[in-house]
Amino acid sequence: MGNRAWKNTDKLNSLFLARYDSDPERVIFTDVKPDHLSSSLFYPMIEILRSQTRLLSIPIGYHHPKNQTDFENNNPEYKLKRDEQRNMLKHEMVEFVRQVLDKPSSIKPV
């Protein structure tokens, strides 16, 4: 996951700059925190796809520093942190999709 760029329109700006909420009464997973990562990284992308707006991926020449990658790969605490983040993101996606399927018009940025 890397940088994001989008056409400067009110519609797209509102998707990427919004904070999305989940319904605490309905969540299955206890680690769901949409405002932590998903609101800025994934939910806007899903909304763009749902609205059938054109979405492009453009590669950039970014290379993660090798010493940082080595540090992260050899650090058990870092691995645990990344595992927790991956699980949280999966759980947030499940909750978001459940909301979309249950009430497609109810998913709006807040």
PDB file of N, CA and C in Angstrom:
ATOM      1  N   MET A   1       0.848  -1.152   0.000  1.00  0.00           N
ATOM      2  CA  MET A   1       0.000   0.000   0.000  1.00  0.00           C
ATOM      3  C   MET A   1       0.900   1.223   0.000  1.00  0.00           C
ATOM      4  N   GLY A   2       0.621   2.100  -0.890  1.00  0.00           N
ATOM      5  CA  GLY A   2       1.492   3.261  -0.990  1.00  0.00           C
ATOM      6  C   GLY A   2       0.732   4.563  -1.080  1.00  0.00           C
ATOM      7  N   ASN A   3       1.316   5.471  -1.789  1.00  0.00           N
ATOM      8  CA  ASN A   3       0.739   6.803  -1.953  1.00  0.00           C
ATOM      9  C   ASN A   3      -0.589   6.747  -2.693  1.00  0.00           C
ATOM     10  N   ARG A   4      -1.398   7.763  -2.447  1.00  0.00           N
ATOM     11  CA  ARG A   4      -2.682   7.906  -3.122  1.00  0.00           C
ATOM     12  C   ARG A   4      -2.704   9.267  -3.813  1.00  0.00           C
ATOM     13  N   ALA A   5      -3.283   9.291  -4.980  1.00  0.00           N
ATOM     14  CA  ALA A   5      -3.534  10.545  -5.688  1.00  0.00           C
ATOM     15  C   ALA A   5      -4.887  10.414  -6.354  1.00  0.00           C
ATOM     16  N   TRP A   6      -5.626  11.486  -6.419  1.00  0.00           N
ATOM     17  CA  TRP A   6      -6.940  11.446  -7.038  1.00  0.00           C
ATOM     18  C   TRP A   6      -7.262  12.791  -7.639  1.00  0.00           C
ATOM     19  N   LYS A   7      -8.200  12.775  -8.562  1.00  0.00           N
ATOM     20  CA  LYS A   7      -8.648  14.000  -9.197  1.00  0.00           C
ATOM     21  C   LYS A   7      -9.292  14.890  -8.139  1.00  0.00           C
ATOM     22  N   ASN A   8      -8.986  16.171  -8.192  1.00  0.00           N
ATOM     23  CA  ASN A   8      -9.454  17.111  -7.190  1.00  0.00           C
ATOM     24  C   ASN A   8     -10.920  17.482  -7.442  1.00  0.00           C
ATOM     25  N   THR A   9     -11.804  16.576  -6.996  1.00  0.00           N
ATOM     26  CA  THR A   9     -13.242  16.845  -7.082  1.00  0.00           C
ATOM     27  C   THR A   9     -13.821  16.735  -5.680  1.00  0.00           C
ATOM     28  N   ASP A  10     -14.918  17.410  -5.441  1.00  0.00           N
ATOM     29  CA  ASP A  10     -15.560  17.340  -4.127  1.00  0.00           C
ATOM     30  C   ASP A  10     -15.925  15.908  -3.765  1.00  0.00           C
ATOM     31  N   LYS A  11     -16.432  15.160  -4.753  1.00  0.00           N
ATOM     32  CA  LYS A  11     -16.851  13.781  -4.504  1.00  0.00           C
ATOM     33  C   LYS A  11     -15.677  12.922  -4.025  1.00  0.00           C
ATOM     34  N   LEU A  12     -14.582  12.944  -4.765  1.00  0.00           N
ATOM     35  CA  LEU A  12     -13.438  12.117  -4.387  1.00  0.00           C
ATOM     36  C   LEU A  12     -12.768  12.631  -3.122  1.00  0.00           C
ATOM     37  N   ASN A  13     -12.653  13.938  -2.986  1.00  0.00           N
ATOM     38  CA  ASN A  13     -12.062  14.488  -1.769  1.00  0.00           C
ATOM     39  C   ASN A  13     -12.837  14.040  -0.538  1.00  0.00           C
ATOM     40  N   SER A  14     -14.152  14.064  -0.624  1.00  0.00           N
ATOM     41  CA  SER A  14     -14.958  13.679   0.537  1.00  0.00           C
ATOM     42  C   SER A  14     -14.743  12.210   0.910  1.00  0.00           C
ATOM     43  N   LEU A  15     -14.522  11.345  -0.083  1.00  0.00           N
ATOM     44  CA  LEU A  15     -14.292   9.929   0.216  1.00  0.00           C
ATOM     45  C   LEU A  15     -12.962   9.705   0.924  1.00  0.00           C
ATOM     46  N   PHE A  16     -11.917  10.367   0.438  1.00  0.00           N
ATOM     47  CA  PHE A  16     -10.587  10.136   1.002  1.00  0.00           C
ATOM     48  C   PHE A  16     -10.338  10.891   2.304  1.00  0.00           C
ATOM     49  N   LEU A  17     -11.052  11.958   2.513  1.00  0.00           N
ATOM     50  CA  LEU A  17     -10.809  12.763   3.710  1.00  0.00           C
ATOM     51  C   LEU A  17     -11.826  12.501   4.817  1.00  0.00           C
ATOM     52  N   ALA A  18     -12.747  11.607   4.558  1.00  0.00           N
ATOM     53  CA  ALA A  18     -13.805  11.323   5.523  1.00  0.00           C
ATOM     54  C   ALA A  18     -13.340  10.349   6.593  1.00  0.00           C
ATOM     55  N   ARG A  19     -14.116  10.311   7.653  1.00  0.00           N
ATOM     56  CA  ARG A  19     -13.944   9.300   8.690  1.00  0.00           C
ATOM     57  C   ARG A  19     -15.184   8.414   8.626  1.00  0.00           C
ATOM     58  N   TYR A  20     -14.978   7.128   8.476  1.00  0.00           N
ATOM     59  CA  TYR A  20     -16.083   6.183   8.382  1.00  0.00           C
ATOM     60  C   TYR A  20     -16.303   5.536   9.746  1.00  0.00           C
ATOM     61  N   ASP A  21     -17.547   5.278  10.061  1.00  0.00           N
ATOM     62  CA  ASP A  21     -17.884   4.629  11.327  1.00  0.00           C
ATOM     63  C   ASP A  21     -18.443   3.243  11.072  1.00  0.00           C
ATOM     64  N   SER A  22     -18.335   2.404  12.088  1.00  0.00           N
ATOM     65  CA  SER A  22     -19.024   1.115  12.065  1.00  0.00           C
ATOM     66  C   SER A  22     -20.045   1.137  13.192  1.00  0.00           C
ATOM     67  N   ASP A  23     -20.970   0.244  13.125  1.00  0.00           N
ATOM     68  CA  ASP A  23     -22.017   0.163  14.133  1.00  0.00           C
ATOM     69  C   ASP A  23     -21.537  -0.757  15.261  1.00  0.00           C
ATOM     70  N   PRO A  24     -21.208  -0.208  16.428  1.00  0.00           N
ATOM     71  CA  PRO A  24     -20.673  -1.046  17.512  1.00  0.00           C
ATOM     72  C   PRO A  24     -21.638  -2.130  17.971  1.00  0.00           C
ATOM     73  N   GLU A  25     -22.911  -1.948  17.708  1.00  0.00           N
ATOM     74  CA  GLU A  25     -23.916  -2.946  18.097  1.00  0.00           C
ATOM     75  C   GLU A  25     -23.864  -4.181  17.191  1.00  0.00           C
ATOM     76  N   ARG A  26     -23.301  -4.008  15.997  1.00  0.00           N
ATOM     77  CA  ARG A  26     -23.347  -5.084  15.007  1.00  0.00           C
ATOM     78  C   ARG A  26     -22.002  -5.764  14.761  1.00  0.00           C
ATOM     79  N   VAL A  27     -20.918  -5.182  15.197  1.00  0.00           N
ATOM     80  CA  VAL A  27     -19.608  -5.724  14.843  1.00  0.00           C
ATOM     81  C   VAL A  27     -19.395  -7.105  15.432  1.00  0.00           C
ATOM     82  N   ILE A  28     -18.745  -7.941  14.647  1.00  0.00           N
ATOM     83  CA  ILE A  28     -18.419  -9.302  15.068  1.00  0.00           C
ATOM     84  C   ILE A  28     -17.073  -9.307  15.787  1.00  0.00           C
ATOM     85  N   PHE A  29     -16.151  -8.505  15.295  1.00  0.00           N
ATOM     86  CA  PHE A  29     -14.776  -8.512  15.789  1.00  0.00           C
ATOM     87  C   PHE A  29     -14.543  -7.335  16.744  1.00  0.00           C
ATOM     88  N   THR A  30     -13.794  -7.577  17.797  1.00  0.00           N
ATOM     89  CA  THR A  30     -13.565  -6.534  18.802  1.00  0.00           C
ATOM     90  C   THR A  30     -12.445  -5.566  18.420  1.00  0.00           C
ATOM     91  N   ASP A  31     -11.663  -5.893  17.410  1.00  0.00           N
ATOM     92  CA  ASP A  31     -10.534  -5.037  17.047  1.00  0.00           C
ATOM     93  C   ASP A  31     -10.846  -4.084  15.894  1.00  0.00           C
ATOM     94  N   VAL A  32     -12.101  -3.863  15.600  1.00  0.00           N
ATOM     95  CA  VAL A  32     -12.490  -2.999  14.492  1.00  0.00           C
ATOM     96  C   VAL A  32     -12.345  -1.536  14.911  1.00  0.00           C
ATOM     97  N   LYS A  33     -11.472  -0.828  14.192  1.00  0.00           N
ATOM     98  CA  LYS A  33     -11.246   0.599  14.424  1.00  0.00           C
ATOM     99  C   LYS A  33     -11.137   1.281  13.059  1.00  0.00           C
ATOM    100  N   PRO A  34     -12.255   1.539  12.392  1.00  0.00           N
ATOM    101  CA  PRO A  34     -12.205   2.049  11.025  1.00  0.00           C
ATOM    102  C   PRO A  34     -11.391   3.327  10.865  1.00  0.00           C
ATOM    103  N   ASP A  35     -11.366   4.153  11.905  1.00  0.00           N
ATOM    104  CA  ASP A  35     -10.634   5.405  11.775  1.00  0.00           C
ATOM    105  C   ASP A  35      -9.129   5.227  11.931  1.00  0.00           C
ATOM    106  N   HIS A  36      -8.698   4.012  12.239  1.00  0.00           N
ATOM    107  CA  HIS A  36      -7.266   3.753  12.418  1.00  0.00           C
ATOM    108  C   HIS A  36      -6.536   3.679  11.076  1.00  0.00           C
ATOM    109  N   LEU A  37      -6.970   2.819  10.184  1.00  0.00           N
ATOM    110  CA  LEU A  37      -6.323   2.673   8.874  1.00  0.00           C
ATOM    111  C   LEU A  37      -7.310   2.625   7.714  1.00  0.00           C
ATOM    112  N   SER A  38      -8.386   1.910   7.895  1.00  0.00           N
ATOM    113  CA  SER A  38      -9.278   1.635   6.768  1.00  0.00           C
ATOM    114  C   SER A  38      -9.957   2.872   6.201  1.00  0.00           C
ATOM    115  N   SER A  39     -10.283   3.844   7.040  1.00  0.00           N
ATOM    116  CA  SER A  39     -10.976   5.038   6.539  1.00  0.00           C
ATOM    117  C   SER A  39     -10.165   5.774   5.492  1.00  0.00           C
ATOM    118  N   SER A  40      -8.870   5.782   5.669  1.00  0.00           N
ATOM    119  CA  SER A  40      -8.046   6.512   4.706  1.00  0.00           C
ATOM    120  C   SER A  40      -7.458   5.626   3.618  1.00  0.00           C
ATOM    121  N   LEU A  41      -7.346   4.341   3.871  1.00  0.00           N
ATOM    122  CA  LEU A  41      -6.674   3.469   2.907  1.00  0.00           C
ATOM    123  C   LEU A  41      -7.619   2.643   2.040  1.00  0.00           C
ATOM    124  N   PHE A  42      -8.618   2.017   2.654  1.00  0.00           N
ATOM    125  CA  PHE A  42      -9.389   1.026   1.923  1.00  0.00           C
ATOM    126  C   PHE A  42     -10.836   1.408   1.640  1.00  0.00           C
ATOM    127  N   TYR A  43     -11.527   1.969   2.611  1.00  0.00           N
ATOM    128  CA  TYR A  43     -12.933   2.289   2.398  1.00  0.00           C
ATOM    129  C   TYR A  43     -13.150   3.208   1.202  1.00  0.00           C
ATOM    130  N   PRO A  44     -12.330   4.250   1.027  1.00  0.00           N
ATOM    131  CA  PRO A  44     -12.536   5.095  -0.161  1.00  0.00           C
ATOM    132  C   PRO A  44     -12.390   4.321  -1.468  1.00  0.00           C
ATOM    133  N   MET A  45     -11.460   3.373  -1.498  1.00  0.00           N
ATOM    134  CA  MET A  45     -11.262   2.581  -2.719  1.00  0.00           C
ATOM    135  C   MET A  45     -12.502   1.732  -3.019  1.00  0.00           C
ATOM    136  N   ILE A  46     -13.075   1.157  -1.984  1.00  0.00           N
ATOM    137  CA  ILE A  46     -14.293   0.358  -2.165  1.00  0.00           C
ATOM    138  C   ILE A  46     -15.428   1.247  -2.664  1.00  0.00           C
ATOM    139  N   GLU A  47     -15.547   2.432  -2.069  1.00  0.00           N
ATOM    140  CA  GLU A  47     -16.600   3.353  -2.499  1.00  0.00           C
ATOM    141  C   GLU A  47     -16.411   3.797  -3.945  1.00  0.00           C
ATOM    142  N   ILE A  48     -15.185   4.009  -4.351  1.00  0.00           N
ATOM    143  CA  ILE A  48     -14.908   4.387  -5.749  1.00  0.00           C
ATOM    144  C   ILE A  48     -15.317   3.251  -6.679  1.00  0.00           C
ATOM    145  N   LEU A  49     -14.972   2.039  -6.322  1.00  0.00           N
ATOM    146  CA  LEU A  49     -15.356   0.890  -7.140  1.00  0.00           C
ATOM    147  C   LEU A  49     -16.872   0.720  -7.171  1.00  0.00           C
ATOM    148  N   ARG A  50     -17.522   0.916  -6.029  1.00  0.00           N
ATOM    149  CA  ARG A  50     -18.985   0.807  -5.982  1.00  0.00           C
ATOM    150  C   ARG A  50     -19.659   1.835  -6.883  1.00  0.00           C
ATOM    151  N   SER A  51     -19.073   3.027  -6.962  1.00  0.00           N
ATOM    152  CA  SER A  51     -19.684   4.086  -7.772  1.00  0.00           C
ATOM    153  C   SER A  51     -19.302   3.974  -9.242  1.00  0.00           C
ATOM    154  N   GLN A  52     -18.546   2.941  -9.570  1.00  0.00           N
ATOM    155  CA  GLN A  52     -18.099   2.690 -10.941  1.00  0.00           C
ATOM    156  C   GLN A  52     -17.285   3.854 -11.512  1.00  0.00           C
ATOM    157  N   THR A  53     -16.567   4.509 -10.630  1.00  0.00           N
ATOM    158  CA  THR A  53     -15.632   5.557 -11.046  1.00  0.00           C
ATOM    159  C   THR A  53     -14.338   4.887 -11.452  1.00  0.00           C
ATOM    160  N   ARG A  54     -13.717   5.414 -12.479  1.00  0.00           N
ATOM    161  CA  ARG A  54     -12.474   4.824 -12.978  1.00  0.00           C
ATOM    162  C   ARG A  54     -11.380   4.928 -11.920  1.00  0.00           C
ATOM    163  N   LEU A  55     -10.691   3.822 -11.724  1.00  0.00           N
ATOM    164  CA  LEU A  55      -9.636   3.727 -10.720  1.00  0.00           C
ATOM    165  C   LEU A  55      -8.402   3.148 -11.400  1.00  0.00           C
ATOM    166  N   LEU A  56      -7.297   3.833 -11.281  1.00  0.00           N
ATOM    167  CA  LEU A  56      -6.055   3.382 -11.906  1.00  0.00           C
ATOM    168  C   LEU A  56      -4.980   3.145 -10.862  1.00  0.00           C
ATOM    169  N   SER A  57      -4.123   2.196 -11.134  1.00  0.00           N
ATOM    170  CA  SER A  57      -2.948   1.972 -10.319  1.00  0.00           C
ATOM    171  C   SER A  57      -1.737   2.409 -11.141  1.00  0.00           C
ATOM    172  N   ILE A  58      -0.943   3.262 -10.561  1.00  0.00           N
ATOM    173  CA  ILE A  58       0.227   3.780 -11.270  1.00  0.00           C
ATOM    174  C   ILE A  58       1.465   3.446 -10.448  1.00  0.00           C
ATOM    175  N   PRO A  59       2.345   2.597 -10.979  1.00  0.00           N
ATOM    176  CA  PRO A  59       3.540   2.239 -10.205  1.00  0.00           C
ATOM    177  C   PRO A  59       4.483   3.435 -10.057  1.00  0.00           C
ATOM    178  N   ILE A  60       5.110   3.503  -8.900  1.00  0.00           N
ATOM    179  CA  ILE A  60       6.125   4.524  -8.680  1.00  0.00           C
ATOM    180  C   ILE A  60       7.416   3.820  -8.279  1.00  0.00           C
ATOM    181  N   GLY A  61       8.511   4.476  -8.444  1.00  0.00           N
ATOM    182  CA  GLY A  61       9.812   3.864  -8.179  1.00  0.00           C
ATOM    183  C   GLY A  61      10.237   3.961  -6.732  1.00  0.00           C
ATOM    184  N   TYR A  62       9.425   3.413  -5.834  1.00  0.00           N
ATOM    185  CA  TYR A  62       9.776   3.442  -4.415  1.00  0.00           C
ATOM    186  C   TYR A  62      10.406   2.117  -4.011  1.00  0.00           C
ATOM    187  N   HIS A  63      11.497   2.196  -3.282  1.00  0.00           N
ATOM    188  CA  HIS A  63      12.142   1.001  -2.741  1.00  0.00           C
ATOM    189  C   HIS A  63      12.311   1.200  -1.240  1.00  0.00           C
ATOM    190  N   HIS A  64      11.727   0.283  -0.485  1.00  0.00           N
ATOM    191  CA  HIS A  64      11.819   0.343   0.975  1.00  0.00           C
ATOM    192  C   HIS A  64      13.273   0.145   1.374  1.00  0.00           C
ATOM    193  N   PRO A  65      13.800   0.919   2.314  1.00  0.00           N
ATOM    194  CA  PRO A  65      15.206   0.761   2.731  1.00  0.00           C
ATOM    195  C   PRO A  65      15.475  -0.659   3.245  1.00  0.00           C
ATOM    196  N   LYS A  66      16.504  -1.277   2.702  1.00  0.00           N
ATOM    197  CA  LYS A  66      16.831  -2.657   3.050  1.00  0.00           C
ATOM    198  C   LYS A  66      17.076  -2.824   4.547  1.00  0.00           C
ATOM    199  N   ASN A  67      17.783  -1.892   5.167  1.00  0.00           N
ATOM    200  CA  ASN A  67      18.062  -2.041   6.600  1.00  0.00           C
ATOM    201  C   ASN A  67      16.780  -1.980   7.429  1.00  0.00           C
ATOM    202  N   GLN A  68      15.802  -1.197   6.995  1.00  0.00           N
ATOM    203  CA  GLN A  68      14.533  -1.148   7.706  1.00  0.00           C
ATOM    204  C   GLN A  68      13.756  -2.452   7.507  1.00  0.00           C
ATOM    205  N   THR A  69      13.752  -2.969   6.276  1.00  0.00           N
ATOM    206  CA  THR A  69      13.086  -4.240   5.995  1.00  0.00           C
ATOM    207  C   THR A  69      13.717  -5.362   6.816  1.00  0.00           C
ATOM    208  N   ASP A  70      15.044  -5.412   6.839  1.00  0.00           N
ATOM    209  CA  ASP A  70      15.741  -6.438   7.622  1.00  0.00           C
ATOM    210  C   ASP A  70      15.386  -6.324   9.105  1.00  0.00           C
ATOM    211  N   PHE A  71      15.376  -5.094   9.621  1.00  0.00           N
ATOM    212  CA  PHE A  71      15.021  -4.882  11.022  1.00  0.00           C
ATOM    213  C   PHE A  71      13.611  -5.389  11.307  1.00  0.00           C
ATOM    214  N   GLU A  72      12.663  -5.019  10.453  1.00  0.00           N
ATOM    215  CA  GLU A  72      11.269  -5.414  10.654  1.00  0.00           C
ATOM    216  C   GLU A  72      11.100  -6.927  10.562  1.00  0.00           C
ATOM    217  N   ASN A  73      11.769  -7.547   9.600  1.00  0.00           N
ATOM    218  CA  ASN A  73      11.635  -8.992   9.408  1.00  0.00           C
ATOM    219  C   ASN A  73      12.278  -9.802  10.534  1.00  0.00           C
ATOM    220  N   ASN A  74      13.260  -9.238  11.206  1.00  0.00           N
ATOM    221  CA  ASN A  74      13.977  -9.972  12.253  1.00  0.00           C
ATOM    222  C   ASN A  74      13.561  -9.564  13.662  1.00  0.00           C
ATOM    223  N   ASN A  75      12.477  -8.824  13.781  1.00  0.00           N
ATOM    224  CA  ASN A  75      12.037  -8.329  15.080  1.00  0.00           C
ATOM    225  C   ASN A  75      10.680  -8.946  15.425  1.00  0.00           C
ATOM    226  N   PRO A  76      10.630  -9.843  16.418  1.00  0.00           N
ATOM    227  CA  PRO A  76       9.365 -10.504  16.763  1.00  0.00           C
ATOM    228  C   PRO A  76       8.252  -9.526  17.156  1.00  0.00           C
ATOM    229  N   GLU A  77       8.604  -8.438  17.839  1.00  0.00           N
ATOM    230  CA  GLU A  77       7.591  -7.453  18.223  1.00  0.00           C
ATOM    231  C   GLU A  77       6.993  -6.784  16.988  1.00  0.00           C
ATOM    232  N   TYR A  78       7.817  -6.498  16.015  1.00  0.00           N
ATOM    233  CA  TYR A  78       7.343  -5.879  14.779  1.00  0.00           C
ATOM    234  C   TYR A  78       6.457  -6.846  14.004  1.00  0.00           C
ATOM    235  N   LYS A  79       6.868  -8.112  13.987  1.00  0.00           N
ATOM    236  CA  LYS A  79       6.048  -9.125  13.297  1.00  0.00           C
ATOM    237  C   LYS A  79       4.678  -9.233  13.957  1.00  0.00           C
ATOM    238  N   LEU A  80       4.637  -9.249  15.278  1.00  0.00           N
ATOM    239  CA  LEU A  80       3.371  -9.302  16.000  1.00  0.00           C
ATOM    240  C   LEU A  80       2.512  -8.078  15.677  1.00  0.00           C
ATOM    241  N   LYS A  81       3.115  -6.906  15.651  1.00  0.00           N
ATOM    242  CA  LYS A  81       2.392  -5.676  15.319  1.00  0.00           C
ATOM    243  C   LYS A  81       1.787  -5.766  13.923  1.00  0.00           C
ATOM    244  N   ARG A  82       2.554  -6.228  12.951  1.00  0.00           N
ATOM    245  CA  ARG A  82       2.060  -6.359  11.574  1.00  0.00           C
ATOM    246  C   ARG A  82       0.955  -7.407  11.479  1.00  0.00           C
ATOM    247  N   ASP A  83       1.101  -8.513  12.198  1.00  0.00           N
ATOM    248  CA  ASP A  83       0.051  -9.539  12.213  1.00  0.00           C
ATOM    249  C   ASP A  83      -1.252  -8.968  12.773  1.00  0.00           C
ATOM    250  N   GLU A  84      -1.144  -8.201  13.851  1.00  0.00           N
ATOM    251  CA  GLU A  84      -2.335  -7.570  14.445  1.00  0.00           C
ATOM    252  C   GLU A  84      -2.966  -6.583  13.466  1.00  0.00           C
ATOM    253  N   GLN A  85      -2.141  -5.800  12.774  1.00  0.00           N
ATOM    254  CA  GLN A  85      -2.667  -4.856  11.781  1.00  0.00           C
ATOM    255  C   GLN A  85      -3.381  -5.580  10.648  1.00  0.00           C
ATOM    256  N   ARG A  86      -2.776  -6.655  10.146  1.00  0.00           N
ATOM    257  CA  ARG A  86      -3.408  -7.427   9.066  1.00  0.00           C
ATOM    258  C   ARG A  86      -4.759  -7.975   9.498  1.00  0.00           C
ATOM    259  N   ASN A  87      -4.819  -8.533  10.701  1.00  0.00           N
ATOM    260  CA  ASN A  87      -6.086  -9.077  11.193  1.00  0.00           C
ATOM    261  C   ASN A  87      -7.126  -7.974  11.363  1.00  0.00           C
ATOM    262  N   MET A  88      -6.718  -6.848  11.920  1.00  0.00           N
ATOM    263  CA  MET A  88      -7.648  -5.744  12.114  1.00  0.00           C
ATOM    264  C   MET A  88      -8.194  -5.267  10.763  1.00  0.00           C
ATOM    265  N   LEU A  89      -7.318  -5.139   9.769  1.00  0.00           N
ATOM    266  CA  LEU A  89      -7.767  -4.696   8.443  1.00  0.00           C
ATOM    267  C   LEU A  89      -8.740  -5.691   7.824  1.00  0.00           C
ATOM    268  N   LYS A  90      -8.459  -6.968   7.962  1.00  0.00           N
ATOM    269  CA  LYS A  90      -9.396  -7.983   7.448  1.00  0.00           C
ATOM    270  C   LYS A  90     -10.742  -7.868   8.142  1.00  0.00           C
ATOM    271  N   HIS A  91     -10.728  -7.713   9.450  1.00  0.00           N
ATOM    272  CA  HIS A  91     -11.970  -7.601  10.206  1.00  0.00           C
ATOM    273  C   HIS A  91     -12.739  -6.338   9.821  1.00  0.00           C
ATOM    274  N   GLU A  92     -12.025  -5.247   9.609  1.00  0.00           N
ATOM    275  CA  GLU A  92     -12.694  -4.007   9.197  1.00  0.00           C
ATOM    276  C   GLU A  92     -13.328  -4.158   7.820  1.00  0.00           C
ATOM    277  N   MET A  93     -12.666  -4.874   6.934  1.00  0.00           N
ATOM    278  CA  MET A  93     -13.248  -5.100   5.609  1.00  0.00           C
ATOM    279  C   MET A  93     -14.516  -5.935   5.711  1.00  0.00           C
ATOM    280  N   VAL A  94     -14.481  -6.965   6.554  1.00  0.00           N
ATOM    281  CA  VAL A  94     -15.671  -7.802   6.746  1.00  0.00           C
ATOM    282  C   VAL A  94     -16.824  -6.942   7.245  1.00  0.00           C
ATOM    283  N   GLU A  95     -16.571  -6.106   8.233  1.00  0.00           N
ATOM    284  CA  GLU A  95     -17.631  -5.262   8.791  1.00  0.00           C
ATOM    285  C   GLU A  95     -18.152  -4.270   7.756  1.00  0.00           C
ATOM    286  N   PHE A  96     -17.259  -3.686   6.987  1.00  0.00           N
ATOM    287  CA  PHE A  96     -17.672  -2.715   5.970  1.00  0.00           C
ATOM    288  C   PHE A  96     -18.551  -3.380   4.909  1.00  0.00           C
ATOM    289  N   VAL A  97     -18.128  -4.541   4.449  1.00  0.00           N
ATOM    290  CA  VAL A  97     -18.905  -5.262   3.434  1.00  0.00           C
ATOM    291  C   VAL A  97     -20.250  -5.698   4.006  1.00  0.00           C
ATOM    292  N   ARG A  98     -20.283  -6.140   5.260  1.00  0.00           N
ATOM    293  CA  ARG A  98     -21.558  -6.497   5.889  1.00  0.00           C
ATOM    294  C   ARG A  98     -22.512  -5.307   5.879  1.00  0.00           C
ATOM    295  N   GLN A  99     -22.003  -4.136   6.211  1.00  0.00           N
ATOM    296  CA  GLN A  99     -22.852  -2.942   6.206  1.00  0.00           C
ATOM    297  C   GLN A  99     -23.347  -2.622   4.801  1.00  0.00           C
ATOM    298  N   VAL A 100     -22.457  -2.723   3.827  1.00  0.00           N
ATOM    299  CA  VAL A 100     -22.839  -2.434   2.442  1.00  0.00           C
ATOM    300  C   VAL A 100     -23.916  -3.404   1.979  1.00  0.00           C
ATOM    301  N   LEU A 101     -23.766  -4.680   2.300  1.00  0.00           N
ATOM    302  CA  LEU A 101     -24.746  -5.675   1.876  1.00  0.00           C
ATOM    303  C   LEU A 101     -26.080  -5.508   2.596  1.00  0.00           C
ATOM    304  N   ASP A 102     -26.023  -5.169   3.873  1.00  0.00           N
ATOM    305  CA  ASP A 102     -27.256  -5.004   4.647  1.00  0.00           C
ATOM    306  C   ASP A 102     -28.025  -3.749   4.258  1.00  0.00           C
ATOM    307  N   LYS A 103     -27.318  -2.643   4.131  1.00  0.00           N
ATOM    308  CA  LYS A 103     -27.953  -1.356   3.835  1.00  0.00           C
ATOM    309  C   LYS A 103     -27.033  -0.560   2.917  1.00  0.00           C
ATOM    310  N   PRO A 104     -27.079  -0.834   1.632  1.00  0.00           N
ATOM    311  CA  PRO A 104     -26.136  -0.186   0.714  1.00  0.00           C
ATOM    312  C   PRO A 104     -26.138   1.334   0.779  1.00  0.00           C
ATOM    313  N   SER A 105     -27.264   1.935   1.067  1.00  0.00           N
ATOM    314  CA  SER A 105     -27.307   3.394   1.087  1.00  0.00           C
ATOM    315  C   SER A 105     -26.879   3.979   2.433  1.00  0.00           C
ATOM    316  N   SER A 106     -26.638   3.119   3.419  1.00  0.00           N
ATOM    317  CA  SER A 106     -26.310   3.634   4.753  1.00  0.00           C
ATOM    318  C   SER A 106     -24.833   3.931   4.927  1.00  0.00           C
ATOM    319  N   ILE A 107     -23.998   3.491   4.009  1.00  0.00           N
ATOM    320  CA  ILE A 107     -22.561   3.697   4.159  1.00  0.00           C
ATOM    321  C   ILE A 107     -22.224   5.070   3.586  1.00  0.00           C
ATOM    322  N   LYS A 108     -21.963   5.974   4.481  1.00  0.00           N
ATOM    323  CA  LYS A 108     -21.627   7.324   4.075  1.00  0.00           C
ATOM    324  C   LYS A 108     -20.494   7.818   4.971  1.00  0.00           C
ATOM    325  N   PRO A 109     -19.640   8.638   4.423  1.00  0.00           N
ATOM    326  CA  PRO A 109     -18.622   9.243   5.286  1.00  0.00           C
ATOM    327  C   PRO A 109     -19.311  10.089   6.346  1.00  0.00           C
ATOM    328  N   VAL A 110     -18.713  10.157   7.530  1.00  0.00           N
ATOM    329  CA  VAL A 110     -19.270  10.990   8.607  1.00  0.00           C
ATOM    330  C   VAL A 110     -18.355  12.161   8.886  1.00  0.00           C
TER     331      VAL A 110
END
